[in-house]
Amino acid sequence: MFKMVYELSMLATEAQQAIWLRTIRLSAGGSAAGREAELMVTEKLAAAQQAFSSLAAGSSPIAIVRAYRSKVRLNVRRLSRR
């Protein structure tokens, strides 16, 4: 149980970082903001589809949360570089 609480807490923290960085990118406007908005939507749809498929295949909830965390961390790294 503690592992799941930890993973969900970290996901919430990392997601907040991604939201903050994306908000900055989107508020700047321009073509970069448009690309970021499009990427955000396609990534969210793909992540949700993957999570649903994993759940249907019998993956554990903690594995699904860890997969989401991995994607969020990649976005935080990508958005922090620019």
PDB file of N, CA and C in Angstrom:
ATOM      1  N   MET A   1       0.818  -1.197   0.000  1.00  0.00           N
ATOM      2  CA  MET A   1       0.000   0.000   0.000  1.00  0.00           C
ATOM      3  C   MET A   1       0.857   1.255   0.000  1.00  0.00           C
ATOM      4  N   PHE A   2       1.956   1.221   0.796  1.00  0.00           N
ATOM      5  CA  PHE A   2       2.829   2.383   0.862  1.00  0.00           C
ATOM      6  C   PHE A   2       3.442   2.697  -0.500  1.00  0.00           C
ATOM      7  N   LYS A   3       3.810   1.647  -1.254  1.00  0.00           N
ATOM      8  CA  LYS A   3       4.403   1.868  -2.573  1.00  0.00           C
ATOM      9  C   LYS A   3       3.443   2.613  -3.491  1.00  0.00           C
ATOM     10  N   MET A   4       2.179   2.242  -3.436  1.00  0.00           N
ATOM     11  CA  MET A   4       1.191   2.895  -4.302  1.00  0.00           C
ATOM     12  C   MET A   4       1.004   4.349  -3.888  1.00  0.00           C
ATOM     13  N   VAL A   5       0.934   4.615  -2.607  1.00  0.00           N
ATOM     14  CA  VAL A   5       0.794   5.994  -2.124  1.00  0.00           C
ATOM     15  C   VAL A   5       1.999   6.810  -2.552  1.00  0.00           C
ATOM     16  N   TYR A   6       3.196   6.224  -2.422  1.00  0.00           N
ATOM     17  CA  TYR A   6       4.415   6.914  -2.837  1.00  0.00           C
ATOM     18  C   TYR A   6       4.383   7.224  -4.336  1.00  0.00           C
ATOM     19  N   GLU A   7       4.064   6.218  -5.144  1.00  0.00           N
ATOM     20  CA  GLU A   7       4.035   6.407  -6.601  1.00  0.00           C
ATOM     21  C   GLU A   7       3.015   7.472  -7.010  1.00  0.00           C
ATOM     22  N   LEU A   8       1.836   7.441  -6.395  1.00  0.00           N
ATOM     23  CA  LEU A   8       0.814   8.436  -6.720  1.00  0.00           C
ATOM     24  C   LEU A   8       1.230   9.835  -6.268  1.00  0.00           C
ATOM     25  N   SER A   9       1.883   9.933  -5.117  1.00  0.00           N
ATOM     26  CA  SER A   9       2.364  11.230  -4.637  1.00  0.00           C
ATOM     27  C   SER A   9       3.431  11.795  -5.564  1.00  0.00           C
ATOM     28  N   MET A  10       4.338  10.941  -5.988  1.00  0.00           N
ATOM     29  CA  MET A  10       5.382  11.390  -6.905  1.00  0.00           C
ATOM     30  C   MET A  10       4.799  11.755  -8.266  1.00  0.00           C
ATOM     31  N   LEU A  11       3.818  10.996  -8.725  1.00  0.00           N
ATOM     32  CA  LEU A  11       3.160  11.327  -9.988  1.00  0.00           C
ATOM     33  C   LEU A  11       2.507  12.700  -9.895  1.00  0.00           C
ATOM     34  N   ALA A  12       1.845  12.976  -8.794  1.00  0.00           N
ATOM     35  CA  ALA A  12       1.199  14.279  -8.620  1.00  0.00           C
ATOM     36  C   ALA A  12       2.223  15.409  -8.616  1.00  0.00           C
ATOM     37  N   THR A  13       3.335  15.200  -7.936  1.00  0.00           N
ATOM     38  CA  THR A  13       4.385  16.223  -7.877  1.00  0.00           C
ATOM     39  C   THR A  13       5.005  16.444  -9.249  1.00  0.00           C
ATOM     40  N   GLU A  14       5.347  15.366  -9.932  1.00  0.00           N
ATOM     41  CA  GLU A  14       5.964  15.487 -11.246  1.00  0.00           C
ATOM     42  C   GLU A  14       4.996  16.042 -12.279  1.00  0.00           C
ATOM     43  N   ALA A  15       3.729  15.669 -12.176  1.00  0.00           N
ATOM     44  CA  ALA A  15       2.735  16.198 -13.100  1.00  0.00           C
ATOM     45  C   ALA A  15       2.568  17.699 -12.911  1.00  0.00           C
ATOM     46  N   GLN A  16       2.647  18.156 -11.666  1.00  0.00           N
ATOM     47  CA  GLN A  16       2.547  19.594 -11.408  1.00  0.00           C
ATOM     48  C   GLN A  16       3.702  20.344 -12.059  1.00  0.00           C
ATOM     49  N   GLN A  17       4.888  19.755 -12.024  1.00  0.00           N
ATOM     50  CA  GLN A  17       6.038  20.363 -12.697  1.00  0.00           C
ATOM     51  C   GLN A  17       5.787  20.461 -14.194  1.00  0.00           C
ATOM     52  N   ALA A  18       5.284  19.381 -14.780  1.00  0.00           N
ATOM     53  CA  ALA A  18       5.008  19.379 -16.216  1.00  0.00           C
ATOM     54  C   ALA A  18       3.939  20.412 -16.568  1.00  0.00           C
ATOM     55  N   ILE A  19       2.911  20.503 -15.748  1.00  0.00           N
ATOM     56  CA  ILE A  19       1.848  21.487 -15.982  1.00  0.00           C
ATOM     57  C   ILE A  19       2.415  22.896 -15.940  1.00  0.00           C
ATOM     58  N   TRP A  20       3.245  23.168 -14.949  1.00  0.00           N
ATOM     59  CA  TRP A  20       3.841  24.495 -14.800  1.00  0.00           C
ATOM     60  C   TRP A  20       4.702  24.833 -16.011  1.00  0.00           C
ATOM     61  N   LEU A  21       5.563  23.894 -16.419  1.00  0.00           N
ATOM     62  CA  LEU A  21       6.440  24.141 -17.557  1.00  0.00           C
ATOM     63  C   LEU A  21       5.652  24.288 -18.858  1.00  0.00           C
ATOM     64  N   ARG A  22       4.610  23.496 -19.012  1.00  0.00           N
ATOM     65  CA  ARG A  22       3.781  23.613 -20.221  1.00  0.00           C
ATOM     66  C   ARG A  22       3.011  24.926 -20.230  1.00  0.00           C
ATOM     67  N   THR A  23       2.568  25.364 -19.072  1.00  0.00           N
ATOM     68  CA  THR A  23       1.856  26.639 -18.996  1.00  0.00           C
ATOM     69  C   THR A  23       2.756  27.781 -19.449  1.00  0.00           C
ATOM     70  N   ILE A  24       3.997  27.737 -19.027  1.00  0.00           N
ATOM     71  CA  ILE A  24       4.956  28.753 -19.463  1.00  0.00           C
ATOM     72  C   ILE A  24       5.124  28.705 -20.977  1.00  0.00           C
ATOM     73  N   ARG A  25       5.288  27.498 -21.508  1.00  0.00           N
ATOM     74  CA  ARG A  25       5.473  27.341 -22.955  1.00  0.00           C
ATOM     75  C   ARG A  25       4.251  27.838 -23.719  1.00  0.00           C
ATOM     76  N   LEU A  26       3.063  27.482 -23.244  1.00  0.00           N
ATOM     77  CA  LEU A  26       1.836  27.883 -23.934  1.00  0.00           C
ATOM     78  C   LEU A  26       1.589  29.388 -23.830  1.00  0.00           C
ATOM     79  N   SER A  27       1.943  29.966 -22.692  1.00  0.00           N
ATOM     80  CA  SER A  27       1.697  31.403 -22.516  1.00  0.00           C
ATOM     81  C   SER A  27       2.615  32.252 -23.376  1.00  0.00           C
ATOM     82  N   ALA A  28       3.733  31.683 -23.838  1.00  0.00           N
ATOM     83  CA  ALA A  28       4.641  32.415 -24.719  1.00  0.00           C
ATOM     84  C   ALA A  28       4.034  32.602 -26.107  1.00  0.00           C
ATOM     85  N   GLY A  29       3.117  31.733 -26.459  1.00  0.00           N
ATOM     86  CA  GLY A  29       2.451  31.850 -27.756  1.00  0.00           C
ATOM     87  C   GLY A  29       3.347  31.418 -28.892  1.00  0.00           C
ATOM     88  N   GLY A  30       2.894  31.694 -30.088  1.00  0.00           N
ATOM     89  CA  GLY A  30       3.670  31.374 -31.276  1.00  0.00           C
ATOM     90  C   GLY A  30       3.535  29.931 -31.713  1.00  0.00           C
ATOM     91  N   SER A  31       4.376  29.574 -32.685  1.00  0.00           N
ATOM     92  CA  SER A  31       4.295  28.227 -33.249  1.00  0.00           C
ATOM     93  C   SER A  31       4.733  27.158 -32.242  1.00  0.00           C
ATOM     94  N   ALA A  32       5.677  27.502 -31.352  1.00  0.00           N
ATOM     95  CA  ALA A  32       6.113  26.533 -30.332  1.00  0.00           C
ATOM     96  C   ALA A  32       4.957  26.185 -29.402  1.00  0.00           C
ATOM     97  N   ALA A  33       4.129  27.152 -29.072  1.00  0.00           N
ATOM     98  CA  ALA A  33       2.972  26.902 -28.213  1.00  0.00           C
ATOM     99  C   ALA A  33       1.965  26.000 -28.921  1.00  0.00           C
ATOM    100  N   GLY A  34       1.763  26.236 -30.188  1.00  0.00           N
ATOM    101  CA  GLY A  34       0.845  25.399 -30.960  1.00  0.00           C
ATOM    102  C   GLY A  34       1.309  23.960 -31.033  1.00  0.00           C
ATOM    103  N   ARG A  35       2.618  23.790 -31.271  1.00  0.00           N
ATOM    104  CA  ARG A  35       3.171  22.429 -31.310  1.00  0.00           C
ATOM    105  C   ARG A  35       3.046  21.755 -29.952  1.00  0.00           C
ATOM    106  N   GLU A  36       3.305  22.524 -28.896  1.00  0.00           N
ATOM    107  CA  GLU A  36       3.214  21.963 -27.539  1.00  0.00           C
ATOM    108  C   GLU A  36       1.785  21.547 -27.209  1.00  0.00           C
ATOM    109  N   ALA A  37       0.814  22.357 -27.583  1.00  0.00           N
ATOM    110  CA  ALA A  37      -0.589  22.018 -27.319  1.00  0.00           C
ATOM    111  C   ALA A  37      -0.987  20.748 -28.070  1.00  0.00           C
ATOM    112  N   GLU A  38      -0.561  20.649 -29.317  1.00  0.00           N
ATOM    113  CA  GLU A  38      -0.868  19.459 -30.107  1.00  0.00           C
ATOM    114  C   GLU A  38      -0.186  18.225 -29.513  1.00  0.00           C
ATOM    115  N   LEU A  39       1.071  18.368 -29.128  1.00  0.00           N
ATOM    116  CA  LEU A  39       1.809  17.270 -28.523  1.00  0.00           C
ATOM    117  C   LEU A  39       1.170  16.837 -27.206  1.00  0.00           C
ATOM    118  N   MET A  40       0.732  17.810 -26.425  1.00  0.00           N
ATOM    119  CA  MET A  40       0.117  17.514 -25.136  1.00  0.00           C
ATOM    120  C   MET A  40      -1.131  16.639 -25.318  1.00  0.00           C
ATOM    121  N   VAL A  41      -1.962  16.989 -26.262  1.00  0.00           N
ATOM    122  CA  VAL A  41      -3.197  16.236 -26.484  1.00  0.00           C
ATOM    123  C   VAL A  41      -2.888  14.830 -26.999  1.00  0.00           C
ATOM    124  N   THR A  42      -1.995  14.732 -27.969  1.00  0.00           N
ATOM    125  CA  THR A  42      -1.696  13.408 -28.519  1.00  0.00           C
ATOM    126  C   THR A  42      -1.012  12.514 -27.483  1.00  0.00           C
ATOM    127  N   GLU A  43      -0.133  13.098 -26.658  1.00  0.00           N
ATOM    128  CA  GLU A  43       0.523  12.307 -25.603  1.00  0.00           C
ATOM    129  C   GLU A  43      -0.481  11.807 -24.573  1.00  0.00           C
ATOM    130  N   LYS A  44      -1.408  12.665 -24.191  1.00  0.00           N
ATOM    131  CA  LYS A  44      -2.400  12.269 -23.187  1.00  0.00           C
ATOM    132  C   LYS A  44      -3.291  11.142 -23.718  1.00  0.00           C
ATOM    133  N   LEU A  45      -3.699  11.251 -24.965  1.00  0.00           N
ATOM    134  CA  LEU A  45      -4.531  10.201 -25.552  1.00  0.00           C
ATOM    135  C   LEU A  45      -3.758   8.883 -25.652  1.00  0.00           C
ATOM    136  N   ALA A  46      -2.508   8.949 -26.076  1.00  0.00           N
ATOM    137  CA  ALA A  46      -1.692   7.740 -26.196  1.00  0.00           C
ATOM    138  C   ALA A  46      -1.433   7.112 -24.826  1.00  0.00           C
ATOM    139  N   ALA A  47      -1.165   7.930 -23.821  1.00  0.00           N
ATOM    140  CA  ALA A  47      -0.912   7.410 -22.477  1.00  0.00           C
ATOM    141  C   ALA A  47      -2.162   6.754 -21.897  1.00  0.00           C
ATOM    142  N   ALA A  48      -3.303   7.362 -22.112  1.00  0.00           N
ATOM    143  CA  ALA A  48      -4.554   6.787 -21.615  1.00  0.00           C
ATOM    144  C   ALA A  48      -4.855   5.465 -22.319  1.00  0.00           C
ATOM    145  N   GLN A  49      -4.623   5.433 -23.618  1.00  0.00           N
ATOM    146  CA  GLN A  49      -4.852   4.204 -24.375  1.00  0.00           C
ATOM    147  C   GLN A  49      -3.918   3.092 -23.906  1.00  0.00           C
ATOM    148  N   GLN A  50      -2.656   3.435 -23.675  1.00  0.00           N
ATOM    149  CA  GLN A  50      -1.696   2.443 -23.194  1.00  0.00           C
ATOM    150  C   GLN A  50      -2.077   1.939 -21.802  1.00  0.00           C
ATOM    151  N   ALA A  51      -2.504   2.842 -20.928  1.00  0.00           N
ATOM    152  CA  ALA A  51      -2.900   2.450 -19.580  1.00  0.00           C
ATOM    153  C   ALA A  51      -4.100   1.510 -19.624  1.00  0.00           C
ATOM    154  N   PHE A  52      -5.071   1.841 -20.457  1.00  0.00           N
ATOM    155  CA  PHE A  52      -6.253   0.987 -20.577  1.00  0.00           C
ATOM    156  C   PHE A  52      -5.875  -0.389 -21.103  1.00  0.00           C
ATOM    157  N   SER A  53      -5.004  -0.421 -22.115  1.00  0.00           N
ATOM    158  CA  SER A  53      -4.569  -1.705 -22.672  1.00  0.00           C
ATOM    159  C   SER A  53      -3.811  -2.518 -21.636  1.00  0.00           C
ATOM    160  N   SER A  54      -2.946  -1.860 -20.877  1.00  0.00           N
ATOM    161  CA  SER A  54      -2.183  -2.552 -19.831  1.00  0.00           C
ATOM    162  C   SER A  54      -3.107  -3.109 -18.765  1.00  0.00           C
ATOM    163  N   LEU A  55      -4.084  -2.318 -18.371  1.00  0.00           N
ATOM    164  CA  LEU A  55      -5.040  -2.763 -17.360  1.00  0.00           C
ATOM    165  C   LEU A  55      -5.849  -3.954 -17.867  1.00  0.00           C
ATOM    166  N   ALA A  56      -6.283  -3.882 -19.122  1.00  0.00           N
ATOM    167  CA  ALA A  56      -7.053  -4.978 -19.708  1.00  0.00           C
ATOM    168  C   ALA A  56      -6.212  -6.243 -19.835  1.00  0.00           C
ATOM    169  N   ALA A  57      -4.901  -6.061 -20.006  1.00  0.00           N
ATOM    170  CA  ALA A  57      -3.999  -7.216 -20.128  1.00  0.00           C
ATOM    171  C   ALA A  57      -3.602  -7.786 -18.774  1.00  0.00           C
ATOM    172  N   GLY A  58      -4.038  -7.131 -17.697  1.00  0.00           N
ATOM    173  CA  GLY A  58      -3.776  -7.663 -16.369  1.00  0.00           C
ATOM    174  C   GLY A  58      -2.622  -7.026 -15.622  1.00  0.00           C
ATOM    175  N   SER A  59      -2.104  -5.907 -16.108  1.00  0.00           N
ATOM    176  CA  SER A  59      -1.026  -5.223 -15.385  1.00  0.00           C
ATOM    177  C   SER A  59      -1.535  -4.708 -14.053  1.00  0.00           C
ATOM    178  N   SER A  60      -0.619  -4.593 -13.123  1.00  0.00           N
ATOM    179  CA  SER A  60      -1.004  -4.077 -11.805  1.00  0.00           C
ATOM    180  C   SER A  60      -1.170  -2.559 -11.873  1.00  0.00           C
ATOM    181  N   PRO A  61      -2.005  -2.015 -11.011  1.00  0.00           N
ATOM    182  CA  PRO A  61      -2.178  -0.565 -10.983  1.00  0.00           C
ATOM    183  C   PRO A  61      -0.871   0.181 -10.733  1.00  0.00           C
ATOM    184  N   ILE A  62       0.004  -0.366  -9.908  1.00  0.00           N
ATOM    185  CA  ILE A  62       1.259   0.316  -9.617  1.00  0.00           C
ATOM    186  C   ILE A  62       2.148   0.361 -10.865  1.00  0.00           C
ATOM    187  N   ALA A  63       2.106  -0.673 -11.694  1.00  0.00           N
ATOM    188  CA  ALA A  63       2.878  -0.677 -12.942  1.00  0.00           C
ATOM    189  C   ALA A  63       2.361   0.397 -13.894  1.00  0.00           C
ATOM    190  N   ILE A  64       1.065   0.590 -13.907  1.00  0.00           N
ATOM    191  CA  ILE A  64       0.472   1.609 -14.771  1.00  0.00           C
ATOM    192  C   ILE A  64       0.867   3.002 -14.292  1.00  0.00           C
ATOM    193  N   VAL A  65       0.841   3.223 -12.995  1.00  0.00           N
ATOM    194  CA  VAL A  65       1.252   4.516 -12.444  1.00  0.00           C
ATOM    195  C   VAL A  65       2.722   4.771 -12.748  1.00  0.00           C
ATOM    196  N   ARG A  66       3.551   3.761 -12.614  1.00  0.00           N
ATOM    197  CA  ARG A  66       4.983   3.914 -12.916  1.00  0.00           C
ATOM    198  C   ARG A  66       5.202   4.250 -14.381  1.00  0.00           C
ATOM    199  N   ALA A  67       4.417   3.664 -15.269  1.00  0.00           N
ATOM    200  CA  ALA A  67       4.533   3.982 -16.694  1.00  0.00           C
ATOM    201  C   ALA A  67       4.150   5.446 -16.946  1.00  0.00           C
ATOM    202  N   TYR A  68       3.089   5.915 -16.300  1.00  0.00           N
ATOM    203  CA  TYR A  68       2.690   7.321 -16.409  1.00  0.00           C
ATOM    204  C   TYR A  68       3.807   8.224 -15.890  1.00  0.00           C
ATOM    205  N   ARG A  69       4.388   7.850 -14.737  1.00  0.00           N
ATOM    206  CA  ARG A  69       5.469   8.659 -14.161  1.00  0.00           C
ATOM    207  C   ARG A  69       6.635   8.769 -15.122  1.00  0.00           C
ATOM    208  N   SER A  70       6.946   7.687 -15.793  1.00  0.00           N
ATOM    209  CA  SER A  70       8.048   7.696 -16.749  1.00  0.00           C
ATOM    210  C   SER A  70       7.801   8.714 -17.861  1.00  0.00           C
ATOM    211  N   LYS A  71       6.593   8.728 -18.377  1.00  0.00           N
ATOM    212  CA  LYS A  71       6.244   9.677 -19.435  1.00  0.00           C
ATOM    213  C   LYS A  71       6.266  11.116 -18.931  1.00  0.00           C
ATOM    214  N   VAL A  72       5.774  11.330 -17.735  1.00  0.00           N
ATOM    215  CA  VAL A  72       5.753  12.679 -17.160  1.00  0.00           C
ATOM    216  C   VAL A  72       7.180  13.176 -16.941  1.00  0.00           C
ATOM    217  N   ARG A  73       8.051  12.313 -16.420  1.00  0.00           N
ATOM    218  CA  ARG A  73       9.451  12.710 -16.198  1.00  0.00           C
ATOM    219  C   ARG A  73      10.141  13.079 -17.503  1.00  0.00           C
ATOM    220  N   LEU A  74       9.861  12.328 -18.571  1.00  0.00           N
ATOM    221  CA  LEU A  74      10.438  12.664 -19.872  1.00  0.00           C
ATOM    222  C   LEU A  74       9.975  14.042 -20.330  1.00  0.00           C
ATOM    223  N   ASN A  75       8.711  14.345 -20.111  1.00  0.00           N
ATOM    224  CA  ASN A  75       8.198  15.663 -20.484  1.00  0.00           C
ATOM    225  C   ASN A  75       8.830  16.769 -19.654  1.00  0.00           C
ATOM    226  N   VAL A  76       9.004  16.538 -18.372  1.00  0.00           N
ATOM    227  CA  VAL A  76       9.636  17.547 -17.513  1.00  0.00           C
ATOM    228  C   VAL A  76      11.059  17.799 -17.990  1.00  0.00           C
ATOM    229  N   ARG A  77      11.790  16.746 -18.297  1.00  0.00           N
ATOM    230  CA  ARG A  77      13.157  16.919 -18.803  1.00  0.00           C
ATOM    231  C   ARG A  77      13.176  17.687 -20.112  1.00  0.00           C
ATOM    232  N   ARG A  78      12.279  17.313 -21.040  1.00  0.00           N
ATOM    233  CA  ARG A  78      12.221  17.973 -22.347  1.00  0.00           C
ATOM    234  C   ARG A  78      11.861  19.451 -22.204  1.00  0.00           C
ATOM    235  N   LEU A  79      10.868  19.733 -21.377  1.00  0.00           N
ATOM    236  CA  LEU A  79      10.422  21.109 -21.212  1.00  0.00           C
ATOM    237  C   LEU A  79      11.410  21.957 -20.425  1.00  0.00           C
ATOM    238  N   SER A  80      12.225  21.340 -19.600  1.00  0.00           N
ATOM    239  CA  SER A  80      13.214  22.082 -18.815  1.00  0.00           C
ATOM    240  C   SER A  80      14.423  22.497 -19.632  1.00  0.00           C
ATOM    241  N   ARG A  81      14.692  21.803 -20.702  1.00  0.00           N
ATOM    242  CA  ARG A  81      15.875  22.079 -21.506  1.00  0.00           C
ATOM    243  C   ARG A  81      15.784  23.384 -22.272  1.00  0.00           C
ATOM    244  N   ARG A  82      14.628  23.775 -22.691  1.00  0.00           N
ATOM    245  CA  ARG A  82      14.504  24.941 -23.568  1.00  0.00           C
ATOM    246  C   ARG A  82      14.369  26.209 -22.815  1.00  0.00           C
TER     247      ARG A  82
END
